């Protein structure tokens, strides 16, 4: 009886807490100052304006609302809750600069912590600042200069794989390039992150791929799924995670994390042993992220109390490894090839420049010295930014310029593609792929608070993408190698290529074959100089 009474008391307490949290959220929404901000009427009692955004993903529905209502718009989210969408530069500067006030939504942080642990991708405030300071050297110019060899090596492997397929197909191969780029970039981050070769390229069967590859691929795929309502409720009422039944995906994630931890600890031990034996710190095998962290952690000047535990080292490495891979880098390369296949004259001009380099193993400096390659990469990241938007939650009441009051808990959309294609900034041809625009002076006067090239592709402020230089050099290496040796054509009309609705990343689809999911089919054949 006593136990039943205790259980009843606990259940009642949890029930009261849940009701309190829900009522508190409803009270804040009812009294939200955003009701005075212009925006579209809710189109659905449950989904608000979300269905309009999903159905019109290729029309940039938020951009159309910006034209209609102004640069700061109130949008109705699920259950009719307000969210703020702004393309106002001063407002965005304030939001991304004040990372202690505007943080990742709790649901996203909770889910990412489940996937990769408390690494730099997840943590906030002083903990994030400390982790970023530790990791910054891993993405400096010296480090990337050393890793370019890996980028080029894997790019050549992918080029040869496609050339072989074309030979088998009578001179041309039809290839869905998304999974191919995914395996190539996974191989790259394996070597650059752990000095571990997944051997993904060329391994077409599941049995041929090792268990770490499968585990990491599972984690990466899970991370691209939209944050479900259940995760949102769990973030609002944390104890729900302990009392609700576990889903199948949770068990799969746990199994994958166990594999990553087991192999990661083995690699950590091997790295520590090599460093203790005095291995050359400048060799490729010692320049991976894990080795750099271990070497820094073993430095004699580090007090024992400040040294990272094995779990901390693994969490930091896995978090960066996940952030560097995900679907963003494969998608950047995918959209780059789509743009080049659609615009043959651009592809030809780029190839002509690449062929002026007299060897197929360029250094990072060689790649960065190619002006038109740089223009193509910049235009890819502008016109086809892999991530559509990111989100922030206000941790306390605040006022966003110009005089927009924000209450604690308010969800804010930080747009990327809308800003990158804004005609008011980039001109009437903003939606067209024109690398030559970068040969002119970029729109510096617009004041976009982005980290790189006056764009929001890599965000800005304290939480800007730590690995953006890594991504850019890797993309240049891929394009250099592939476009020099291969020709690319569209396998379907350009008008048949669309974007997958409801995804935070820009995954291409074939409209006439939506059931197949994300894909980008291209016709590939070896390039022969006449």
Protein backbone atom coordinates (compact mmCIF):
# COMPACT_ATOMS: atom_id res chain seq x y z
CA UNK A 1 0.00 0.00 0.00
CA UNK A 2 2.81 2.36 0.88
CA UNK A 3 4.45 1.76 -2.49
CA UNK A 4 1.17 2.32 -4.31
CA UNK A 5 0.68 5.56 -2.41
CA UNK A 6 4.21 6.70 -3.27
CA UNK A 7 3.69 5.83 -6.95
CA UNK A 8 0.40 7.73 -6.96
CA UNK A 9 2.06 10.77 -5.39
CA UNK A 10 4.88 10.71 -7.95
CA UNK A 11 2.41 10.35 -10.81
CA UNK A 12 0.30 13.21 -9.47
CA UNK A 13 3.38 15.44 -9.08
CA UNK A 14 4.54 14.70 -12.61
CA UNK A 15 1.03 15.31 -13.93
CA UNK A 16 0.83 18.68 -12.19
CA UNK A 17 4.28 19.61 -13.53
CA UNK A 18 3.25 18.67 -17.06
CA UNK A 19 0.06 20.72 -16.86
CA UNK A 20 2.05 23.65 -15.46
CA UNK A 21 4.55 23.53 -18.33
CA UNK A 22 1.79 23.39 -20.95
CA UNK A 23 -0.20 26.22 -19.35
CA UNK A 24 2.93 28.33 -19.07
CA UNK A 25 3.65 27.86 -22.78
CA UNK A 26 0.04 28.69 -23.68
CA UNK A 27 0.11 31.80 -21.48
CA UNK A 28 3.29 33.07 -23.15
CA UNK A 29 1.86 32.46 -26.60
CA UNK A 30 -1.44 34.17 -25.77
CA UNK A 31 0.45 37.24 -24.54
CA UNK A 32 3.19 37.16 -27.18
CA UNK A 33 4.15 40.60 -28.53
CA UNK A 34 4.62 38.94 -31.93
CA UNK A 35 0.87 39.19 -32.47
CA UNK A 36 1.63 42.79 -33.49
CA UNK A 37 4.13 41.66 -36.15
CA UNK A 38 2.63 41.32 -39.65
CA UNK A 39 2.39 37.91 -41.24
CA UNK A 40 0.11 35.40 -42.99
CA UNK A 41 -3.00 34.04 -41.33
CA UNK A 42 -2.85 30.50 -40.03
CA UNK A 43 -3.83 28.12 -42.82
CA UNK A 44 -4.56 25.12 -40.60
CA UNK A 45 -5.67 24.70 -36.98
CA UNK A 46 -2.87 22.21 -36.25
CA UNK A 47 -0.08 22.83 -38.80
CA UNK A 48 -0.43 26.61 -38.94
CA UNK A 49 1.54 27.78 -41.99
CA UNK A 50 3.87 24.76 -42.09
CA UNK A 51 1.98 22.98 -44.87
CA UNK A 52 2.24 26.08 -47.08
CA UNK A 53 6.00 26.10 -46.56
CA UNK A 54 6.33 22.37 -47.30
CA UNK A 55 4.10 22.46 -50.39
CA UNK A 56 5.81 25.52 -51.85
CA UNK A 57 9.40 24.69 -50.87
CA UNK A 58 10.71 25.46 -54.36
CA UNK A 59 8.86 28.78 -54.52
CA UNK A 60 10.60 30.01 -51.35
CA UNK A 61 7.31 30.69 -49.57
CA UNK A 62 9.07 32.61 -46.78
CA UNK A 63 10.65 34.86 -49.40
CA UNK A 64 7.23 35.59 -50.88
CA UNK A 65 5.92 36.49 -47.42
CA UNK A 66 8.92 38.78 -46.94
CA UNK A 67 7.97 40.64 -50.11
CA UNK A 68 4.37 40.91 -48.90
CA UNK A 69 4.79 41.69 -45.18
CA UNK A 70 8.31 43.08 -44.80
CA UNK A 71 11.67 41.72 -43.73
CA UNK A 72 10.42 40.57 -40.31
CA UNK A 73 7.40 38.27 -40.41
CA UNK A 74 5.37 36.29 -37.89
CA UNK A 75 4.63 32.73 -39.03
CA UNK A 76 2.22 30.31 -37.36
CA UNK A 77 3.95 27.11 -36.38
CA UNK A 78 2.38 23.81 -35.23
CA UNK A 79 -0.55 24.34 -32.84
CA UNK A 80 -0.60 27.98 -34.00
CA UNK A 81 2.44 28.95 -31.92
CA UNK A 82 4.20 32.02 -33.30
CA UNK A 83 7.69 31.95 -34.71
CA UNK A 84 9.67 34.91 -35.98
CA UNK A 85 11.16 34.87 -39.47
CA UNK A 86 13.51 37.72 -40.27
CA UNK A 87 15.81 38.69 -43.12
CA UNK A 88 16.62 42.02 -41.51
CA UNK A 89 20.42 42.27 -41.28
CA UNK A 90 20.49 44.19 -38.01
CA UNK A 91 18.10 41.73 -36.41
CA UNK A 92 20.14 38.75 -37.63
CA UNK A 93 23.37 40.36 -36.48
CA UNK A 94 21.88 40.74 -33.01
CA UNK A 95 20.59 37.14 -32.92
CA UNK A 96 23.71 35.32 -34.10
CA UNK A 97 26.09 37.54 -32.10
CA UNK A 98 24.29 36.99 -28.79
CA UNK A 99 24.69 33.23 -28.52
CA UNK A 100 24.09 33.28 -24.76
CA UNK A 101 20.59 34.66 -25.34
CA UNK A 102 19.71 32.86 -28.59
CA UNK A 103 20.50 29.15 -28.50
CA UNK A 104 19.59 25.98 -30.36
CA UNK A 105 16.05 24.81 -29.51
CA UNK A 106 15.91 22.33 -26.64
CA UNK A 107 14.42 19.60 -28.85
CA UNK A 108 17.31 19.84 -31.31
CA UNK A 109 19.95 19.87 -28.55
CA UNK A 110 18.34 16.90 -26.83
CA UNK A 111 18.24 14.88 -30.03
CA UNK A 112 21.79 15.77 -31.12
CA UNK A 113 23.11 14.89 -27.66
CA UNK A 114 21.46 11.48 -28.04
CA UNK A 115 23.25 11.05 -31.37
CA UNK A 116 26.78 12.34 -30.79
CA UNK A 117 27.13 13.33 -27.15
CA UNK A 118 27.89 16.72 -25.60
CA UNK A 119 30.26 18.01 -28.27
CA UNK A 120 30.76 21.43 -29.82
CA UNK A 121 27.70 20.98 -32.06
CA UNK A 122 25.40 20.77 -29.02
CA UNK A 123 26.80 22.59 -25.99
CA UNK A 124 26.20 26.28 -25.31
CA UNK A 125 27.72 29.28 -23.52
CA UNK A 126 31.10 28.90 -21.77
CA UNK A 127 31.31 25.16 -22.44
CA UNK A 128 30.92 25.81 -26.19
CA UNK A 129 33.50 28.59 -26.08
CA UNK A 130 36.00 26.30 -24.34
CA UNK A 131 35.46 23.40 -26.74
CA UNK A 132 35.72 25.64 -29.79
CA UNK A 133 39.01 27.08 -28.55
CA UNK A 134 40.39 23.55 -28.22
CA UNK A 135 39.20 22.53 -31.69
CA UNK A 136 40.11 25.66 -33.68
CA UNK A 137 43.69 24.54 -34.49
CA UNK A 138 42.29 21.42 -36.18
CA UNK A 139 40.71 23.62 -38.86
CA UNK A 140 43.52 26.09 -39.42
CA UNK A 141 45.38 26.58 -42.71
CA UNK A 142 48.34 24.40 -41.73
CA UNK A 143 46.10 21.49 -40.87
CA UNK A 144 43.99 21.78 -44.03
CA UNK A 145 47.12 22.12 -46.16
CA UNK A 146 48.22 18.73 -44.84
CA UNK A 147 44.78 17.14 -45.30
CA UNK A 148 44.36 18.26 -48.93
CA UNK A 149 46.25 15.14 -49.98
CA UNK A 150 43.41 13.03 -48.51
CA UNK A 151 40.76 15.13 -50.28
CA UNK A 152 42.47 14.68 -53.64
CA UNK A 153 43.18 10.97 -53.12
CA UNK A 154 39.52 10.17 -52.41
CA UNK A 155 38.37 12.43 -55.25
CA UNK A 156 40.57 10.48 -57.68
CA UNK A 157 39.17 7.23 -56.35
CA UNK A 158 35.62 8.46 -57.02
CA UNK A 159 36.62 9.70 -60.50
CA UNK A 160 38.10 6.31 -61.40
CA UNK A 161 35.03 4.50 -60.07
CA UNK A 162 32.73 6.56 -62.32
CA UNK A 163 35.05 6.19 -65.29
CA UNK A 164 35.02 2.40 -64.87
CA UNK A 165 31.23 2.39 -64.75
CA UNK A 166 31.08 4.47 -67.90
CA UNK A 167 33.39 1.98 -69.64
CA UNK A 168 31.14 -0.89 -68.52
CA UNK A 169 28.11 1.00 -69.87
CA UNK A 170 29.47 1.55 -73.33
CA UNK A 171 31.05 4.94 -72.67
CA UNK A 172 28.45 6.58 -70.43
CA UNK A 173 27.02 5.80 -67.00
CA UNK A 174 23.83 7.00 -65.36
CA UNK A 175 24.69 7.66 -61.70
CA UNK A 176 22.71 8.89 -58.72
CA UNK A 177 25.53 11.03 -57.36
CA UNK A 178 24.10 11.65 -53.86
CA UNK A 179 25.06 8.29 -52.26
CA UNK A 180 28.36 8.31 -54.17
CA UNK A 181 29.32 11.69 -52.72
CA UNK A 182 28.13 10.55 -49.31
CA UNK A 183 30.51 7.59 -49.31
CA UNK A 184 33.39 9.71 -50.61
CA UNK A 185 32.97 12.39 -47.95
CA UNK A 186 32.52 9.70 -45.28
CA UNK A 187 35.88 8.22 -46.33
CA UNK A 188 37.44 11.69 -46.16
CA UNK A 189 36.17 12.51 -42.69
CA UNK A 190 37.18 9.03 -41.50
CA UNK A 191 40.78 9.67 -42.48
CA UNK A 192 40.77 13.32 -41.42
CA UNK A 193 38.92 12.69 -38.17
CA UNK A 194 40.31 9.38 -36.93
CA UNK A 195 43.01 8.35 -39.41
CA UNK A 196 40.59 5.51 -40.15
CA UNK A 197 39.75 4.36 -43.67
CA UNK A 198 36.13 3.28 -44.07
CA UNK A 199 36.85 1.96 -47.59
CA UNK A 200 33.32 3.09 -48.50
CA UNK A 201 34.03 3.88 -52.15
CA UNK A 202 33.49 0.85 -54.31
CA UNK A 203 31.83 -1.14 -51.52
CA UNK A 204 28.35 -1.60 -52.97
CA UNK A 205 27.14 -4.33 -50.62
CA UNK A 206 26.33 -3.86 -46.97
CA UNK A 207 28.50 -6.83 -46.07
CA UNK A 208 31.54 -5.22 -47.63
CA UNK A 209 31.32 -2.17 -45.42
CA UNK A 210 32.80 -2.33 -41.94
CA UNK A 211 30.79 -1.92 -38.76
CA UNK A 212 32.06 1.58 -37.98
CA UNK A 213 30.94 2.74 -41.43
CA UNK A 214 27.48 1.27 -40.85
CA UNK A 215 27.26 2.76 -37.36
CA UNK A 216 28.23 6.24 -38.42
CA UNK A 217 26.00 6.12 -41.50
CA UNK A 218 23.09 5.18 -39.23
CA UNK A 219 23.77 8.11 -36.91
CA UNK A 220 24.14 10.53 -39.82
CA UNK A 221 20.88 9.33 -41.42
CA UNK A 222 18.99 9.62 -38.12
CA UNK A 223 20.23 13.17 -37.71
CA UNK A 224 18.66 14.25 -41.01
CA UNK A 225 15.16 13.18 -40.00
CA UNK A 226 12.87 16.04 -38.91
CA UNK A 227 12.51 16.58 -35.18
CA UNK A 228 9.24 14.82 -34.38
CA UNK A 229 6.47 15.96 -32.07
CA UNK A 230 7.50 13.35 -29.52
CA UNK A 231 11.00 14.87 -29.26
CA UNK A 232 9.50 18.33 -28.92
CA UNK A 233 7.28 17.17 -26.05
CA UNK A 234 10.23 15.41 -24.39
CA UNK A 235 12.23 18.65 -24.48
CA UNK A 236 9.32 20.52 -22.91
CA UNK A 237 8.75 17.89 -20.22
CA UNK A 238 12.09 16.07 -19.73
CA UNK A 239 10.81 13.16 -17.60
CA UNK A 240 8.72 11.94 -20.54
CA UNK A 241 11.88 10.44 -21.99
CA UNK A 242 12.17 8.15 -19.00
CA UNK A 243 8.56 6.98 -18.86
CA UNK A 244 7.54 6.72 -22.52
CA UNK A 245 8.31 3.49 -24.41
CA UNK A 246 11.49 3.49 -26.49
CA UNK A 247 11.12 3.52 -30.25
CA UNK A 248 12.88 1.16 -32.64
CA UNK A 249 15.11 3.99 -33.90
CA UNK A 250 16.28 4.64 -30.32
CA UNK A 251 17.54 1.05 -30.05
CA UNK A 252 19.28 1.31 -33.43
CA UNK A 253 20.96 4.57 -32.37
CA UNK A 254 22.12 3.04 -29.08
CA UNK A 255 23.58 0.05 -30.90
CA UNK A 256 25.40 2.29 -33.37
CA UNK A 257 26.76 4.51 -30.60
CA UNK A 258 28.06 1.43 -28.77
CA UNK A 259 30.01 0.40 -31.89
CA UNK A 260 31.37 3.92 -32.34
CA UNK A 261 32.43 4.08 -28.69
CA UNK A 262 34.13 0.66 -28.74
CA UNK A 263 36.11 1.33 -31.90
CA UNK A 264 36.69 4.96 -30.94
CA UNK A 265 38.30 3.93 -27.64
CA UNK A 266 40.56 1.52 -29.52
CA UNK A 267 41.62 4.26 -31.97
CA UNK A 268 42.12 6.64 -29.04
CA UNK A 269 44.43 4.14 -27.36
CA UNK A 270 46.40 3.59 -30.58
CA UNK A 271 46.75 7.35 -31.11
CA UNK A 272 47.97 7.87 -27.54
CA UNK A 273 50.51 5.09 -27.95
CA UNK A 274 51.89 6.52 -31.20
CA UNK A 275 52.28 9.95 -29.64
CA UNK A 276 53.97 8.49 -26.55
CA UNK A 277 56.40 6.69 -28.86
CA UNK A 278 57.25 10.00 -30.52
CA UNK A 279 55.58 9.65 -33.94
CA UNK A 280 56.10 12.52 -36.39
CA UNK A 281 53.43 15.16 -35.65
CA UNK A 282 53.61 16.45 -39.24
CA UNK A 283 52.88 13.14 -40.95
CA UNK A 284 49.44 12.61 -42.50
CA UNK A 285 48.73 9.81 -40.05
CA UNK A 286 49.25 12.21 -37.15
CA UNK A 287 47.29 15.19 -38.45
CA UNK A 288 43.79 13.80 -37.92
CA UNK A 289 41.49 15.49 -35.41
CA UNK A 290 41.71 12.70 -32.87
CA UNK A 291 45.52 12.77 -32.85
CA UNK A 292 45.55 16.55 -32.46
CA UNK A 293 43.19 16.39 -29.49
CA UNK A 294 45.14 13.58 -27.85
CA UNK A 295 48.45 15.40 -28.39
CA UNK A 296 47.05 18.63 -26.92
CA UNK A 297 45.56 16.72 -23.99
CA UNK A 298 48.89 15.01 -23.25
CA UNK A 299 50.88 18.26 -23.26
CA UNK A 300 53.01 18.60 -20.12
CA UNK A 301 51.84 22.16 -19.39
CA UNK A 302 48.18 21.05 -19.03
CA UNK A 303 47.23 20.67 -15.33
CA UNK A 304 45.84 17.23 -14.53
CA UNK A 305 42.50 18.72 -13.49
CA UNK A 306 42.07 20.31 -16.92
CA UNK A 307 42.82 17.21 -18.98
CA UNK A 308 39.94 15.74 -20.94
CA UNK A 309 38.64 12.30 -20.13
CA UNK A 310 38.50 9.63 -22.84
CA UNK A 311 34.74 10.19 -23.11
CA UNK A 312 35.24 13.94 -23.55
CA UNK A 313 37.80 13.44 -26.33
CA UNK A 314 35.49 11.02 -28.14
CA UNK A 315 32.46 13.31 -27.74
CA UNK A 316 34.34 16.26 -29.24
CA UNK A 317 35.70 14.21 -32.12
CA UNK A 318 32.38 12.51 -32.92
CA UNK A 319 30.48 15.80 -32.73
CA UNK A 320 32.80 17.51 -35.22
CA UNK A 321 32.92 14.39 -37.40
CA UNK A 322 29.13 14.31 -37.54
CA UNK A 323 28.87 18.05 -38.22
CA UNK A 324 31.47 17.86 -40.99
CA UNK A 325 29.70 14.98 -42.73
CA UNK A 326 25.92 14.90 -42.31
CA UNK A 327 24.23 15.46 -45.65
CA UNK A 328 25.52 18.99 -46.17
CA UNK A 329 28.85 18.30 -47.88
CA UNK A 330 27.54 15.55 -50.20
CA UNK A 331 24.66 17.88 -51.15
CA UNK A 332 26.97 20.81 -51.89
CA UNK A 333 28.92 18.65 -54.35
CA UNK A 334 25.68 17.22 -55.76
CA UNK A 335 24.17 20.64 -56.51
CA UNK A 336 27.51 21.83 -57.94
CA UNK A 337 27.48 19.02 -60.52
CA UNK A 338 23.81 19.67 -61.27
CA UNK A 339 24.58 23.33 -62.00
CA UNK A 340 27.53 22.39 -64.20
CA UNK A 341 25.52 19.75 -66.06
CA UNK A 342 22.72 22.26 -66.64
CA UNK A 343 25.15 24.96 -67.81
CA UNK A 344 27.56 23.28 -70.20
CA UNK A 345 29.37 26.52 -71.04
CA UNK A 346 30.18 27.04 -67.35
CA UNK A 347 31.39 23.44 -67.08
CA UNK A 348 33.62 23.92 -70.14
CA UNK A 349 35.11 27.18 -68.89
CA UNK A 350 35.83 25.60 -65.50
CA UNK A 351 37.45 22.53 -67.07
CA UNK A 352 39.65 24.70 -69.27
CA UNK A 353 40.93 26.50 -66.18
CA UNK A 354 41.51 23.27 -64.27
CA UNK A 355 43.53 21.80 -67.14
CA UNK A 356 46.01 24.66 -66.87
CA UNK A 357 47.33 22.96 -63.71
CA UNK A 358 50.05 20.57 -64.87
CA UNK A 359 49.43 17.81 -62.31
CA UNK A 360 46.45 15.97 -60.84
CA UNK A 361 47.61 16.27 -57.24
CA UNK A 362 47.09 19.95 -56.42
CA UNK A 363 47.96 21.46 -53.07
CA UNK A 364 45.50 23.62 -51.15
CA UNK A 365 47.35 26.68 -52.46
CA UNK A 366 47.02 25.40 -56.03
CA UNK A 367 43.26 25.00 -55.59
CA UNK A 368 42.86 28.43 -54.02
CA UNK A 369 44.82 30.01 -56.90
CA UNK A 370 42.14 29.03 -59.45
CA UNK A 371 39.80 32.06 -59.71
CA UNK A 372 36.95 30.52 -61.71
CA UNK A 373 36.88 27.41 -59.50
CA UNK A 374 36.51 29.78 -56.57
CA UNK A 375 33.63 31.57 -58.35
CA UNK A 376 31.85 28.25 -59.01
CA UNK A 377 32.21 27.17 -55.38
CA UNK A 378 30.94 30.51 -54.07
CA UNK A 379 27.97 30.47 -56.43
CA UNK A 380 27.15 26.87 -55.45
CA UNK A 381 27.15 27.81 -51.79
CA UNK A 382 24.96 30.82 -52.53
CA UNK A 383 22.41 29.43 -54.99
CA UNK A 384 22.33 25.90 -53.54
CA UNK A 385 23.17 26.28 -49.86
CA UNK A 386 22.79 22.76 -48.42
CA UNK A 387 20.94 23.92 -45.28
CA UNK A 388 17.69 25.84 -45.73
CA UNK A 389 17.56 27.51 -42.31
CA UNK A 390 18.49 27.10 -38.69
CA UNK A 391 16.55 27.92 -35.54
CA UNK A 392 17.18 29.70 -32.28
CA UNK A 393 15.22 29.98 -29.04
CA UNK A 394 15.32 33.07 -26.82
CA UNK A 395 16.61 32.13 -23.36
CA UNK A 396 15.31 35.37 -21.82
CA UNK A 397 13.23 38.40 -22.77
CA UNK A 398 14.97 40.68 -25.23
CA UNK A 399 14.42 43.35 -27.88
CA UNK A 400 15.60 42.67 -31.43
CA UNK A 401 16.39 45.62 -33.71
CA UNK A 402 14.41 47.43 -34.75
CA UNK A 403 12.28 47.42 -31.58
CA UNK A 404 10.79 43.92 -31.89
CA UNK A 405 10.17 42.60 -28.34
CA UNK A 406 10.98 38.93 -27.80
CA UNK A 407 9.85 36.82 -24.85
CA UNK A 408 11.72 33.92 -23.26
CA UNK A 409 11.12 30.70 -25.19
CA UNK A 410 10.36 32.42 -28.51
CA UNK A 411 11.37 30.38 -31.59
CA UNK A 412 13.20 32.32 -34.30
CA UNK A 413 14.03 31.23 -37.84
CA UNK A 414 17.48 32.21 -39.12
CA UNK A 415 17.02 31.93 -42.91
CA UNK A 416 19.82 30.88 -45.21
CA UNK A 417 18.45 30.14 -48.68
CA UNK A 418 15.98 33.04 -48.57
CA UNK A 419 18.80 35.52 -47.86
CA UNK A 420 21.16 33.88 -50.32
CA UNK A 421 18.60 34.29 -53.12
CA UNK A 422 17.11 37.62 -52.11
CA UNK A 423 16.68 39.81 -55.24
CA UNK A 424 16.93 42.90 -53.05
CA UNK A 425 20.50 41.86 -52.26
CA UNK A 426 21.72 39.90 -55.29
CA UNK A 427 19.70 41.54 -58.05
CA UNK A 428 16.94 40.27 -60.35
CA UNK A 429 19.04 37.24 -61.37
CA UNK A 430 19.36 36.06 -57.75
CA UNK A 431 17.74 32.68 -58.52
CA UNK A 432 20.10 31.94 -61.41
CA UNK A 433 23.45 30.16 -61.20
CA UNK A 434 25.96 32.77 -62.43
CA UNK A 435 29.55 32.26 -61.17
CA UNK A 436 30.61 35.39 -63.04
CA UNK A 437 28.83 37.53 -60.43
CA UNK A 438 31.82 36.82 -58.16
CA UNK A 439 34.20 38.30 -60.71
CA UNK A 440 32.49 41.57 -59.98
CA UNK A 441 32.53 43.19 -56.56
CA UNK A 442 30.37 41.19 -54.14
CA UNK A 443 27.52 42.99 -52.35
CA UNK A 444 29.62 44.04 -49.36
CA UNK A 445 27.33 46.95 -48.52
CA UNK A 446 24.39 44.66 -47.75
CA UNK A 447 25.66 43.97 -44.25
CA UNK A 448 24.73 40.26 -44.19
CA UNK A 449 26.26 39.04 -40.91
CA UNK A 450 27.60 35.78 -42.37
CA UNK A 451 31.00 34.30 -41.63
CA UNK A 452 32.05 33.79 -45.25
CA UNK A 453 31.63 35.65 -48.54
CA UNK A 454 28.75 37.87 -47.38
CA UNK A 455 26.41 34.87 -47.14
CA UNK A 456 24.65 32.98 -44.34
CA UNK A 457 25.63 29.54 -45.67
CA UNK A 458 28.04 28.93 -42.78
CA UNK A 459 26.15 31.26 -40.40
CA UNK A 460 28.14 33.77 -38.36
CA UNK A 461 28.95 34.84 -34.84
CA UNK A 462 30.26 32.57 -32.06
CA UNK A 463 28.37 29.54 -33.43
CA UNK A 464 29.48 29.86 -37.05
CA UNK A 465 30.48 26.60 -38.72
CA UNK A 466 33.86 25.64 -37.29
CA UNK A 467 34.71 23.42 -40.27
CA UNK A 468 33.79 25.77 -43.11
CA UNK A 469 37.35 25.93 -44.51
CA UNK A 470 37.47 22.12 -44.45
CA UNK A 471 34.25 21.99 -46.49
CA UNK A 472 35.44 24.52 -49.05
CA UNK A 473 38.82 22.91 -49.71
CA UNK A 474 37.19 19.49 -49.91
CA UNK A 475 34.61 20.73 -52.46
CA UNK A 476 37.34 22.36 -54.54
CA UNK A 477 39.34 19.12 -54.54
CA UNK A 478 36.30 17.12 -55.63
CA UNK A 479 35.39 19.52 -58.46
CA UNK A 480 39.01 19.85 -59.59
CA UNK A 481 39.44 16.11 -59.96
CA UNK A 482 36.01 15.19 -61.29
CA UNK A 483 35.55 18.00 -63.83
CA UNK A 484 39.09 17.61 -65.19
CA UNK A 485 38.51 13.94 -65.94
CA UNK A 486 34.78 13.58 -66.59
CA UNK A 487 31.90 15.22 -68.42
CA UNK A 488 28.49 15.62 -66.81
CA UNK A 489 25.05 15.85 -68.41
CA UNK A 490 21.54 15.89 -66.96
CA UNK A 491 19.86 12.49 -66.99
CA UNK A 492 16.42 14.12 -66.74
CA UNK A 493 15.25 17.60 -67.77
CA UNK A 494 16.30 20.33 -65.34
CA UNK A 495 12.63 21.16 -64.75
CA UNK A 496 12.13 17.61 -63.42
CA UNK A 497 14.59 18.22 -60.58
CA UNK A 498 12.91 19.50 -57.44
CA UNK A 499 13.56 19.66 -53.71
CA UNK A 500 12.31 17.31 -51.03
CA UNK A 501 9.60 19.08 -48.96
CA UNK A 502 9.83 19.23 -45.20
CA UNK A 503 13.60 18.80 -44.96
CA UNK A 504 15.97 21.23 -43.30
CA UNK A 505 18.55 20.34 -45.97
CA UNK A 506 18.08 20.81 -49.72
CA UNK A 507 17.75 17.24 -50.91
CA UNK A 508 17.04 16.97 -54.65
CA UNK A 509 14.29 14.73 -56.01
CA UNK A 510 13.06 13.77 -59.46
CA UNK A 511 9.51 15.11 -59.65
CA UNK A 512 8.36 12.34 -61.97
CA UNK A 513 9.76 9.73 -59.56
CA UNK A 514 9.00 11.14 -56.10
CA UNK A 515 8.60 7.68 -54.59
CA UNK A 516 12.34 7.07 -55.07
CA UNK A 517 13.14 9.82 -52.56
CA UNK A 518 16.26 11.97 -52.71
CA UNK A 519 18.25 11.47 -55.90
CA UNK A 520 20.26 13.36 -58.51
CA UNK A 521 20.74 11.23 -61.64
CA UNK A 522 23.48 12.44 -63.99
CA UNK A 523 25.03 11.03 -67.16
CA UNK A 524 28.79 10.70 -66.75
CA UNK A 525 31.45 9.95 -69.33
CA UNK A 526 35.23 10.35 -69.46
CA UNK A 527 36.52 13.63 -70.86
CA UNK A 528 38.85 13.30 -73.81
CA UNK A 529 40.78 16.28 -75.14
CA UNK A 530 40.33 16.85 -78.85
